[in-house]
Amino acid sequence: MSEHVTVYADTDRDEVADTLAVLENAGIPYTLVDITRDEDALAHVEKLGFTQTPVVEAGILSWAGFKPDLIAALAQSQTPGG
C-alpha cells in the first residue's frame, strides 16, 4: 500500500525543485503545500521540528531537504512486491 506524500515548501529553491523532479521521475504522486500561504501547514512543519524546506512527509516517514536516497527508498516501498 502506498503512502500519501506531501511536500511542504516555502520558496522556489533548487532543493525544492530537485525534490519535486525526483518524486515525479520516480512516479510518486504528491501534494505540494506552500507554507507561506498556509499557517496550519507551517505550524505542522514546525511541530515536526524541521527548520528547512522542502519537508517531505509520507506516512510515518518525514525528512527535510533534498534526499534522493530517501525518495528512491520510498519509490521501492511503493512498488508492488517492494
PDB file of N, CA and C in Angstrom:
ATOM      1  N   MET A   1       0.841  -1.189   0.000  1.00  0.00           N
ATOM      2  CA  MET A   1       0.000   0.000   0.000  1.00  0.00           C
ATOM      3  C   MET A   1       0.881   1.245   0.000  1.00  0.00           C
ATOM      4  N   SER A   2       0.593   2.191  -0.861  1.00  0.00           N
ATOM      5  CA  SER A   2       1.427   3.383  -0.941  1.00  0.00           C
ATOM      6  C   SER A   2       0.937   4.437   0.051  1.00  0.00           C
ATOM      7  N   GLU A   3       1.893   5.175   0.551  1.00  0.00           N
ATOM      8  CA  GLU A   3       1.604   6.267   1.474  1.00  0.00           C
ATOM      9  C   GLU A   3       1.346   7.537   0.677  1.00  0.00           C
ATOM     10  N   HIS A   4       0.450   8.380   1.196  1.00  0.00           N
ATOM     11  CA  HIS A   4       0.251   9.688   0.580  1.00  0.00           C
ATOM     12  C   HIS A   4       1.476  10.540   0.885  1.00  0.00           C
ATOM     13  N   VAL A   5       1.988  11.213  -0.115  1.00  0.00           N
ATOM     14  CA  VAL A   5       3.181  12.037   0.044  1.00  0.00           C
ATOM     15  C   VAL A   5       2.781  13.509  -0.026  1.00  0.00           C
ATOM     16  N   THR A   6       3.233  14.260   0.972  1.00  0.00           N
ATOM     17  CA  THR A   6       3.023  15.698   0.994  1.00  0.00           C
ATOM     18  C   THR A   6       4.381  16.373   1.055  1.00  0.00           C
ATOM     19  N   VAL A   7       4.551  17.390   0.210  1.00  0.00           N
ATOM     20  CA  VAL A   7       5.785  18.176   0.204  1.00  0.00           C
ATOM     21  C   VAL A   7       5.417  19.581   0.664  1.00  0.00           C
ATOM     22  N   TYR A   8       6.041  20.006   1.747  1.00  0.00           N
ATOM     23  CA  TYR A   8       5.846  21.355   2.278  1.00  0.00           C
ATOM     24  C   TYR A   8       7.024  22.201   1.834  1.00  0.00           C
ATOM     25  N   ALA A   9       6.751  23.355   1.227  1.00  0.00           N
ATOM     26  CA  ALA A   9       7.826  24.203   0.716  1.00  0.00           C
ATOM     27  C   ALA A   9       7.492  25.663   0.977  1.00  0.00           C
ATOM     28  N   ASP A  10       8.553  26.486   0.988  1.00  0.00           N
ATOM     29  CA  ASP A  10       8.353  27.915   1.218  1.00  0.00           C
ATOM     30  C   ASP A  10       8.927  28.799   0.117  1.00  0.00           C
ATOM     31  N   THR A  11       9.743  28.240  -0.740  1.00  0.00           N
ATOM     32  CA  THR A  11      10.365  29.044  -1.794  1.00  0.00           C
ATOM     33  C   THR A  11      10.548  28.191  -3.044  1.00  0.00           C
ATOM     34  N   ASP A  12      11.085  28.793  -4.063  1.00  0.00           N
ATOM     35  CA  ASP A  12      11.410  28.071  -5.292  1.00  0.00           C
ATOM     36  C   ASP A  12      12.888  27.694  -5.312  1.00  0.00           C
ATOM     37  N   ARG A  13      13.437  27.364  -4.160  1.00  0.00           N
ATOM     38  CA  ARG A  13      14.846  26.993  -4.078  1.00  0.00           C
ATOM     39  C   ARG A  13      15.122  25.726  -4.889  1.00  0.00           C
ATOM     40  N   ASP A  14      16.391  25.554  -5.240  1.00  0.00           N
ATOM     41  CA  ASP A  14      16.796  24.385  -6.019  1.00  0.00           C
ATOM     42  C   ASP A  14      16.436  23.077  -5.328  1.00  0.00           C
ATOM     43  N   GLU A  15      16.591  23.010  -3.994  1.00  0.00           N
ATOM     44  CA  GLU A  15      16.275  21.774  -3.271  1.00  0.00           C
ATOM     45  C   GLU A  15      14.810  21.384  -3.427  1.00  0.00           C
ATOM     46  N   VAL A  16      13.936  22.370  -3.457  1.00  0.00           N
ATOM     47  CA  VAL A  16      12.505  22.097  -3.647  1.00  0.00           C
ATOM     48  C   VAL A  16      12.281  21.567  -5.059  1.00  0.00           C
ATOM     49  N   ALA A  17      12.793  22.274  -6.061  1.00  0.00           N
ATOM     50  CA  ALA A  17      12.616  21.852  -7.453  1.00  0.00           C
ATOM     51  C   ALA A  17      13.223  20.477  -7.688  1.00  0.00           C
ATOM     52  N   ASP A  18      14.399  20.231  -7.123  1.00  0.00           N
ATOM     53  CA  ASP A  18      15.050  18.926  -7.291  1.00  0.00           C
ATOM     54  C   ASP A  18      14.226  17.810  -6.654  1.00  0.00           C
ATOM     55  N   THR A  19      13.697  18.065  -5.470  1.00  0.00           N
ATOM     56  CA  THR A  19      12.875  17.062  -4.791  1.00  0.00           C
ATOM     57  C   THR A  19      11.639  16.730  -5.612  1.00  0.00           C
ATOM     58  N   LEU A  20      10.958  17.753  -6.109  1.00  0.00           N
ATOM     59  CA  LEU A  20       9.757  17.529  -6.909  1.00  0.00           C
ATOM     60  C   LEU A  20      10.085  16.761  -8.187  1.00  0.00           C
ATOM     61  N   ALA A  21      11.201  17.100  -8.814  1.00  0.00           N
ATOM     62  CA  ALA A  21      11.594  16.412 -10.049  1.00  0.00           C
ATOM     63  C   ALA A  21      11.881  14.938  -9.798  1.00  0.00           C
ATOM     64  N   VAL A  22      12.578  14.622  -8.721  1.00  0.00           N
ATOM     65  CA  VAL A  22      12.894  13.221  -8.423  1.00  0.00           C
ATOM     66  C   VAL A  22      11.628  12.451  -8.057  1.00  0.00           C
ATOM     67  N   LEU A  23      10.725  13.073  -7.304  1.00  0.00           N
ATOM     68  CA  LEU A  23       9.445  12.415  -6.999  1.00  0.00           C
ATOM     69  C   LEU A  23       8.688  12.106  -8.293  1.00  0.00           C
ATOM     70  N   GLU A  24       8.629  13.081  -9.189  1.00  0.00           N
ATOM     71  CA  GLU A  24       7.918  12.886 -10.454  1.00  0.00           C
ATOM     72  C   GLU A  24       8.577  11.800 -11.294  1.00  0.00           C
ATOM     73  N   ASN A  25       9.908  11.826 -11.380  1.00  0.00           N
ATOM     74  CA  ASN A  25      10.634  10.818 -12.158  1.00  0.00           C
ATOM     75  C   ASN A  25      10.456   9.422 -11.583  1.00  0.00           C
ATOM     76  N   ALA A  26      10.259   9.334 -10.277  1.00  0.00           N
ATOM     77  CA  ALA A  26      10.046   8.042  -9.621  1.00  0.00           C
ATOM     78  C   ALA A  26       8.588   7.602  -9.710  1.00  0.00           C
ATOM     79  N   GLY A  27       7.727   8.467 -10.265  1.00  0.00           N
ATOM     80  CA  GLY A  27       6.316   8.121 -10.397  1.00  0.00           C
ATOM     81  C   GLY A  27       5.553   8.188  -9.090  1.00  0.00           C
ATOM     82  N   ILE A  28       6.049   8.997  -8.157  1.00  0.00           N
ATOM     83  CA  ILE A  28       5.395   9.125  -6.853  1.00  0.00           C
ATOM     84  C   ILE A  28       4.497  10.353  -6.873  1.00  0.00           C
ATOM     85  N   PRO A  29       3.192  10.158  -6.756  1.00  0.00           N
ATOM     86  CA  PRO A  29       2.298  11.319  -6.698  1.00  0.00           C
ATOM     87  C   PRO A  29       2.452  12.031  -5.353  1.00  0.00           C
ATOM     88  N   TYR A  30       2.282  13.330  -5.369  1.00  0.00           N
ATOM     89  CA  TYR A  30       2.447  14.111  -4.147  1.00  0.00           C
ATOM     90  C   TYR A  30       1.521  15.316  -4.173  1.00  0.00           C
ATOM     91  N   THR A  31       1.325  15.878  -2.992  1.00  0.00           N
ATOM     92  CA  THR A  31       0.609  17.129  -2.844  1.00  0.00           C
ATOM     93  C   THR A  31       1.626  18.166  -2.404  1.00  0.00           C
ATOM     94  N   LEU A  32       1.663  19.309  -3.074  1.00  0.00           N
ATOM     95  CA  LEU A  32       2.578  20.388  -2.724  1.00  0.00           C
ATOM     96  C   LEU A  32       1.818  21.426  -1.905  1.00  0.00           C
ATOM     97  N   VAL A  33       2.371  21.774  -0.736  1.00  0.00           N
ATOM     98  CA  VAL A  33       1.744  22.751   0.145  1.00  0.00           C
ATOM     99  C   VAL A  33       2.719  23.910   0.362  1.00  0.00           C
ATOM    100  N   ASP A  34       2.267  25.117   0.069  1.00  0.00           N
ATOM    101  CA  ASP A  34       3.073  26.324   0.252  1.00  0.00           C
ATOM    102  C   ASP A  34       2.885  26.813   1.687  1.00  0.00           C
ATOM    103  N   ILE A  35       3.920  26.654   2.510  1.00  0.00           N
ATOM    104  CA  ILE A  35       3.776  27.022   3.918  1.00  0.00           C
ATOM    105  C   ILE A  35       3.784  28.527   4.142  1.00  0.00           C
ATOM    106  N   THR A  36       4.060  29.316   3.092  1.00  0.00           N
ATOM    107  CA  THR A  36       3.959  30.769   3.239  1.00  0.00           C
ATOM    108  C   THR A  36       2.505  31.219   3.120  1.00  0.00           C
ATOM    109  N   ARG A  37       1.642  30.334   2.623  1.00  0.00           N
ATOM    110  CA  ARG A  37       0.229  30.676   2.436  1.00  0.00           C
ATOM    111  C   ARG A  37      -0.697  29.861   3.323  1.00  0.00           C
ATOM    112  N   ASP A  38      -0.146  28.897   4.042  1.00  0.00           N
ATOM    113  CA  ASP A  38      -0.961  28.000   4.857  1.00  0.00           C
ATOM    114  C   ASP A  38      -0.374  27.938   6.267  1.00  0.00           C
ATOM    115  N   GLU A  39      -0.953  28.718   7.175  1.00  0.00           N
ATOM    116  CA  GLU A  39      -0.432  28.806   8.538  1.00  0.00           C
ATOM    117  C   GLU A  39      -0.502  27.472   9.269  1.00  0.00           C
ATOM    118  N   ASP A  40      -1.531  26.686   9.018  1.00  0.00           N
ATOM    119  CA  ASP A  40      -1.644  25.374   9.665  1.00  0.00           C
ATOM    120  C   ASP A  40      -0.526  24.443   9.189  1.00  0.00           C
ATOM    121  N   ALA A  41      -0.206  24.508   7.910  1.00  0.00           N
ATOM    122  CA  ALA A  41       0.875  23.681   7.373  1.00  0.00           C
ATOM    123  C   ALA A  41       2.214  24.106   7.965  1.00  0.00           C
ATOM    124  N   LEU A  42       2.448  25.408   8.088  1.00  0.00           N
ATOM    125  CA  LEU A  42       3.673  25.908   8.702  1.00  0.00           C
ATOM    126  C   LEU A  42       3.780  25.420  10.147  1.00  0.00           C
ATOM    127  N   ALA A  43       2.694  25.502  10.885  1.00  0.00           N
ATOM    128  CA  ALA A  43       2.693  25.028  12.271  1.00  0.00           C
ATOM    129  C   ALA A  43       2.983  23.531  12.327  1.00  0.00           C
ATOM    130  N   HIS A  44       2.451  22.771  11.381  1.00  0.00           N
ATOM    131  CA  HIS A  44       2.696  21.332  11.328  1.00  0.00           C
ATOM    132  C   HIS A  44       4.180  21.036  11.103  1.00  0.00           C
ATOM    133  N   VAL A  45       4.795  21.739  10.161  1.00  0.00           N
ATOM    134  CA  VAL A  45       6.222  21.552   9.874  1.00  0.00           C
ATOM    135  C   VAL A  45       7.057  21.918  11.099  1.00  0.00           C
ATOM    136  N   GLU A  46       6.706  23.014  11.748  1.00  0.00           N
ATOM    137  CA  GLU A  46       7.434  23.416  12.955  1.00  0.00           C
ATOM    138  C   GLU A  46       7.268  22.389  14.065  1.00  0.00           C
ATOM    139  N   LYS A  47       6.077  21.827  14.196  1.00  0.00           N
ATOM    140  CA  LYS A  47       5.825  20.799  15.216  1.00  0.00           C
ATOM    141  C   LYS A  47       6.678  19.555  14.949  1.00  0.00           C
ATOM    142  N   LEU A  48       6.893  19.248  13.680  1.00  0.00           N
ATOM    143  CA  LEU A  48       7.755  18.117  13.326  1.00  0.00           C
ATOM    144  C   LEU A  48       9.224  18.399  13.654  1.00  0.00           C
ATOM    145  N   GLY A  49       9.559  19.674  13.870  1.00  0.00           N
ATOM    146  CA  GLY A  49      10.913  20.049  14.245  1.00  0.00           C
ATOM    147  C   GLY A  49      11.821  20.439  13.099  1.00  0.00           C
ATOM    148  N   PHE A  50      11.265  20.618  11.911  1.00  0.00           N
ATOM    149  CA  PHE A  50      12.085  20.959  10.756  1.00  0.00           C
ATOM    150  C   PHE A  50      12.244  22.468  10.623  1.00  0.00           C
ATOM    151  N   THR A  51      13.429  22.885  10.190  1.00  0.00           N
ATOM    152  CA  THR A  51      13.713  24.306  10.030  1.00  0.00           C
ATOM    153  C   THR A  51      14.104  24.663   8.600  1.00  0.00           C
ATOM    154  N   GLN A  52      14.087  23.686   7.700  1.00  0.00           N
ATOM    155  CA  GLN A  52      14.384  23.958   6.292  1.00  0.00           C
ATOM    156  C   GLN A  52      13.369  23.233   5.423  1.00  0.00           C
ATOM    157  N   THR A  53      13.253  23.682   4.187  1.00  0.00           N
ATOM    158  CA  THR A  53      12.374  23.013   3.245  1.00  0.00           C
ATOM    159  C   THR A  53      13.195  22.527   2.077  1.00  0.00           C
ATOM    160  N   PRO A  54      12.653  21.624   1.308  1.00  0.00           N
ATOM    161  CA  PRO A  54      11.326  21.053   1.440  1.00  0.00           C
ATOM    162  C   PRO A  54      11.260  20.049   2.595  1.00  0.00           C
ATOM    163  N   VAL A  55      10.074  19.898   3.116  1.00  0.00           N
ATOM    164  CA  VAL A  55       9.795  18.830   4.072  1.00  0.00           C
ATOM    165  C   VAL A  55       8.899  17.842   3.345  1.00  0.00           C
ATOM    166  N   VAL A  56       9.331  16.590   3.331  1.00  0.00           N
ATOM    167  CA  VAL A  56       8.569  15.528   2.678  1.00  0.00           C
ATOM    168  C   VAL A  56       8.004  14.640   3.775  1.00  0.00           C
ATOM    169  N   GLU A  57       6.710  14.374   3.686  1.00  0.00           N
ATOM    170  CA  GLU A  57       6.050  13.521   4.668  1.00  0.00           C
ATOM    171  C   GLU A  57       5.284  12.424   3.928  1.00  0.00           C
ATOM    172  N   ALA A  58       5.566  11.186   4.308  1.00  0.00           N
ATOM    173  CA  ALA A  58       4.899  10.023   3.712  1.00  0.00           C
ATOM    174  C   ALA A  58       4.596   9.047   4.838  1.00  0.00           C
ATOM    175  N   GLY A  59       3.376   9.099   5.338  1.00  0.00           N
ATOM    176  CA  GLY A  59       3.030   8.248   6.468  1.00  0.00           C
ATOM    177  C   GLY A  59       3.844   8.644   7.680  1.00  0.00           C
ATOM    178  N   ILE A  60       4.530   7.666   8.283  1.00  0.00           N
ATOM    179  CA  ILE A  60       5.337   7.965   9.469  1.00  0.00           C
ATOM    180  C   ILE A  60       6.739   8.451   9.121  1.00  0.00           C
ATOM    181  N   LEU A  61       7.083   8.433   7.845  1.00  0.00           N
ATOM    182  CA  LEU A  61       8.395   8.860   7.383  1.00  0.00           C
ATOM    183  C   LEU A  61       8.352  10.336   7.005  1.00  0.00           C
ATOM    184  N   SER A  62       9.336  11.099   7.486  1.00  0.00           N
ATOM    185  CA  SER A  62       9.433  12.505   7.082  1.00  0.00           C
ATOM    186  C   SER A  62      10.890  12.938   7.138  1.00  0.00           C
ATOM    187  N   TRP A  63      11.220  13.905   6.267  1.00  0.00           N
ATOM    188  CA  TRP A  63      12.571  14.450   6.253  1.00  0.00           C
ATOM    189  C   TRP A  63      12.539  15.841   5.646  1.00  0.00           C
ATOM    190  N   ALA A  64      13.640  16.571   5.865  1.00  0.00           N
ATOM    191  CA  ALA A  64      13.782  17.914   5.300  1.00  0.00           C
ATOM    192  C   ALA A  64      14.989  17.928   4.374  1.00  0.00           C
ATOM    193  N   GLY A  65      14.886  18.731   3.329  1.00  0.00           N
ATOM    194  CA  GLY A  65      15.986  18.873   2.382  1.00  0.00           C
ATOM    195  C   GLY A  65      15.848  17.912   1.217  1.00  0.00           C
ATOM    196  N   PHE A  66      16.802  18.025   0.295  1.00  0.00           N
ATOM    197  CA  PHE A  66      16.809  17.174  -0.897  1.00  0.00           C
ATOM    198  C   PHE A  66      17.497  15.869  -0.549  1.00  0.00           C
ATOM    199  N   LYS A  67      16.731  14.782  -0.545  1.00  0.00           N
ATOM    200  CA  LYS A  67      17.238  13.466  -0.147  1.00  0.00           C
ATOM    201  C   LYS A  67      16.840  12.426  -1.201  1.00  0.00           C
ATOM    202  N   PRO A  68      17.550  12.384  -2.330  1.00  0.00           N
ATOM    203  CA  PRO A  68      17.179  11.444  -3.393  1.00  0.00           C
ATOM    204  C   PRO A  68      17.236   9.986  -2.939  1.00  0.00           C
ATOM    205  N   ASP A  69      18.105   9.666  -1.985  1.00  0.00           N
ATOM    206  CA  ASP A  69      18.179   8.286  -1.491  1.00  0.00           C
ATOM    207  C   ASP A  69      16.894   7.892  -0.763  1.00  0.00           C
ATOM    208  N   LEU A  70      16.318   8.820  -0.014  1.00  0.00           N
ATOM    209  CA  LEU A  70      15.066   8.524   0.689  1.00  0.00           C
ATOM    210  C   LEU A  70      13.888   8.451  -0.294  1.00  0.00           C
ATOM    211  N   ILE A  71      13.937   9.260  -1.336  1.00  0.00           N
ATOM    212  CA  ILE A  71      12.891   9.186  -2.357  1.00  0.00           C
ATOM    213  C   ILE A  71      12.971   7.840  -3.073  1.00  0.00           C
ATOM    214  N   ALA A  72      14.174   7.377  -3.368  1.00  0.00           N
ATOM    215  CA  ALA A  72      14.355   6.066  -4.008  1.00  0.00           C
ATOM    216  C   ALA A  72      13.828   4.955  -3.114  1.00  0.00           C
ATOM    217  N   ALA A  73      14.101   5.044  -1.816  1.00  0.00           N
ATOM    218  CA  ALA A  73      13.592   4.030  -0.876  1.00  0.00           C
ATOM    219  C   ALA A  73      12.071   4.080  -0.806  1.00  0.00           C
ATOM    220  N   LEU A  74      11.508   5.276  -0.842  1.00  0.00           N
ATOM    221  CA  LEU A  74      10.059   5.437  -0.845  1.00  0.00           C
ATOM    222  C   LEU A  74       9.466   4.826  -2.110  1.00  0.00           C
ATOM    223  N   ALA A  75      10.083   5.077  -3.248  1.00  0.00           N
ATOM    224  CA  ALA A  75       9.606   4.501  -4.511  1.00  0.00           C
ATOM    225  C   ALA A  75       9.650   2.985  -4.446  1.00  0.00           C
ATOM    226  N   GLN A  76      10.723   2.444  -3.886  1.00  0.00           N
ATOM    227  CA  GLN A  76      10.870   0.987  -3.765  1.00  0.00           C
ATOM    228  C   GLN A  76       9.752   0.418  -2.878  1.00  0.00           C
ATOM    229  N   SER A  77       9.442   1.122  -1.797  1.00  0.00           N
ATOM    230  CA  SER A  77       8.416   0.616  -0.882  1.00  0.00           C
ATOM    231  C   SER A  77       7.024   0.701  -1.471  1.00  0.00           C
ATOM    232  N   GLN A  78       6.839   1.579  -2.463  1.00  0.00           N
ATOM    233  CA  GLN A  78       5.523   1.744  -3.084  1.00  0.00           C
ATOM    234  C   GLN A  78       5.353   0.848  -4.299  1.00  0.00           C
ATOM    235  N   THR A  79       6.411   0.146  -4.693  1.00  0.00           N
ATOM    236  CA  THR A  79       6.344  -0.776  -5.819  1.00  0.00           C
ATOM    237  C   THR A  79       5.775  -2.095  -5.332  1.00  0.00           C
ATOM    238  N   PRO A  80       4.793  -2.664  -6.040  1.00  0.00           N
ATOM    239  CA  PRO A  80       4.267  -3.966  -5.626  1.00  0.00           C
ATOM    240  C   PRO A  80       5.402  -4.983  -5.473  1.00  0.00           C
ATOM    241  N   GLY A  81       5.428  -5.621  -4.322  1.00  0.00           N
ATOM    242  CA  GLY A  81       6.474  -6.590  -4.046  1.00  0.00           C
ATOM    243  C   GLY A  81       7.740  -5.968  -3.544  1.00  0.00           C
ATOM    244  N   GLY A  82       7.740  -4.597  -3.388  1.00  0.00           N
ATOM    245  CA  GLY A  82       8.943  -3.886  -2.968  1.00  0.00           C
ATOM    246  C   GLY A  82       9.100  -3.719  -1.510  1.00  0.00           C
TER     247      GLY A  82
END
